[in-house]
Each structure stands twice: as structure tokens, then as C-alpha cells.
Amino acid sequence: MIELMRTNDPVLLSVVGALLTSGEIPHHVADRHSSTLEGLIEVIKQRILVPDDRVAEARALLMDADLGEWLRP
């Protein structure tokens, strides 16, 4: 799995998750519980992971939705 983005913004996480689901791209949100335990200090951010063979498709989907600024390099 490759890290697509990291954020603790619940709205962004929801939107990206919905986009990936609608595009039938499997994904996983890592560190969800750890970031919640840390609270607002944002030491640990949630990471959206996608399968290696679907990264290009997921990146294109998010670029089309004007969310490219959030993508990891």
C-alpha cells in the first residue's frame, strides 16, 4: 500500500474516502485511532493508503476533484 495523503481534517478524509469508494479504489485510513488519542496537537496524522497498482488512478481521481494540493509527492 502507498500513502496517498495525510491529514486530520475530518471533512477532507470523508470527501477523499467517498471519492475513492465511488471510483471503486480500495483504500485504508491508517493511524485513525492514534491521531484521535493525540487530540489537536497533530503529532500523528491519519494516512490514506491505496494499493500499489491503483496509485496512479487514485491520484488522477483526486487531481480531477481539485484536491491535488493534498497529495503526497
Protein backbone atom coordinates (compact mmCIF):
# COMPACT_ATOMS: atom_id res chain seq x y z
CA MET A 1 0.00 0.00 0.00
CA ILE A 2 1.18 3.51 -0.83
CA GLU A 3 0.43 6.63 1.18
CA LEU A 4 -1.73 8.96 -0.86
CA MET A 5 -2.18 11.76 1.68
CA ARG A 6 -2.11 12.57 5.38
CA THR A 7 -4.39 14.89 7.26
CA ASN A 8 -6.54 15.12 10.37
CA ASP A 9 -9.23 17.17 8.64
CA PRO A 10 -12.38 15.04 9.07
CA VAL A 11 -14.15 16.66 6.12
CA LEU A 12 -11.23 16.06 3.77
CA LEU A 13 -10.93 12.46 4.96
CA SER A 14 -14.62 11.93 4.32
CA VAL A 15 -14.56 13.51 0.85
CA VAL A 16 -11.48 11.58 -0.25
CA GLY A 17 -12.89 8.34 1.13
CA ALA A 18 -16.15 8.90 -0.75
CA LEU A 19 -14.30 9.70 -3.99
CA LEU A 20 -12.15 6.59 -3.73
CA THR A 21 -15.17 4.44 -2.91
CA SER A 22 -17.13 5.85 -5.86
CA GLY A 23 -14.15 5.14 -8.10
CA GLU A 24 -14.05 1.57 -6.72
CA ILE A 25 -10.50 2.12 -5.47
CA PRO A 26 -9.80 0.18 -2.28
CA HIS A 27 -8.30 2.30 0.48
CA HIS A 28 -7.41 2.21 4.14
CA VAL A 29 -7.20 5.04 6.70
CA ALA A 30 -4.17 4.32 8.89
CA ASP A 31 -3.46 5.87 12.30
CA ARG A 32 -7.10 6.81 12.84
CA HIS A 33 -7.12 5.75 16.48
CA SER A 34 -3.66 7.10 17.30
CA SER A 35 -4.44 10.54 15.92
CA THR A 36 -7.68 10.63 17.90
CA LEU A 37 -5.83 9.82 21.11
CA GLU A 38 -3.33 12.61 20.49
CA GLY A 39 -6.11 15.18 20.16
CA LEU A 40 -5.49 18.51 18.49
CA ILE A 41 -1.69 18.65 18.68
CA GLU A 42 -1.49 16.92 15.29
CA VAL A 43 1.67 14.97 16.00
CA ILE A 44 0.15 11.93 14.34
CA LYS A 45 -1.89 12.46 11.19
CA GLN A 46 -4.24 9.99 9.58
CA ARG A 47 -2.93 8.50 6.34
CA ILE A 48 -4.96 7.34 3.36
CA LEU A 49 -3.36 4.30 1.75
CA VAL A 50 -4.19 2.72 -1.60
CA PRO A 51 -2.86 -0.44 -3.29
CA ASP A 52 0.38 -0.01 -5.24
CA ASP A 53 -1.28 -0.81 -8.56
CA ARG A 54 -4.07 1.78 -8.08
CA VAL A 55 -1.96 4.81 -7.03
CA ALA A 56 -1.95 6.48 -10.45
CA GLU A 57 -5.72 6.07 -10.77
CA ALA A 58 -6.33 7.41 -7.25
CA ARG A 59 -4.04 10.40 -7.80
CA ALA A 60 -5.80 11.23 -11.08
CA LEU A 61 -9.19 11.00 -9.38
CA LEU A 62 -8.14 13.44 -6.66
CA MET A 63 -6.48 15.79 -9.15
CA ASP A 64 -9.75 15.91 -11.13
CA ALA A 65 -11.54 16.84 -7.89
CA ASP A 66 -9.08 19.74 -7.30
CA LEU A 67 -7.56 18.01 -4.28
CA GLY A 68 -4.09 17.66 -5.77
CA GLU A 69 -2.54 20.03 -3.22
CA TRP A 70 -3.13 17.41 -0.52
CA LEU A 71 -1.37 14.56 -2.33
CA ARG A 72 1.96 13.31 -1.03
CA PRO A 73 4.83 13.67 -3.50
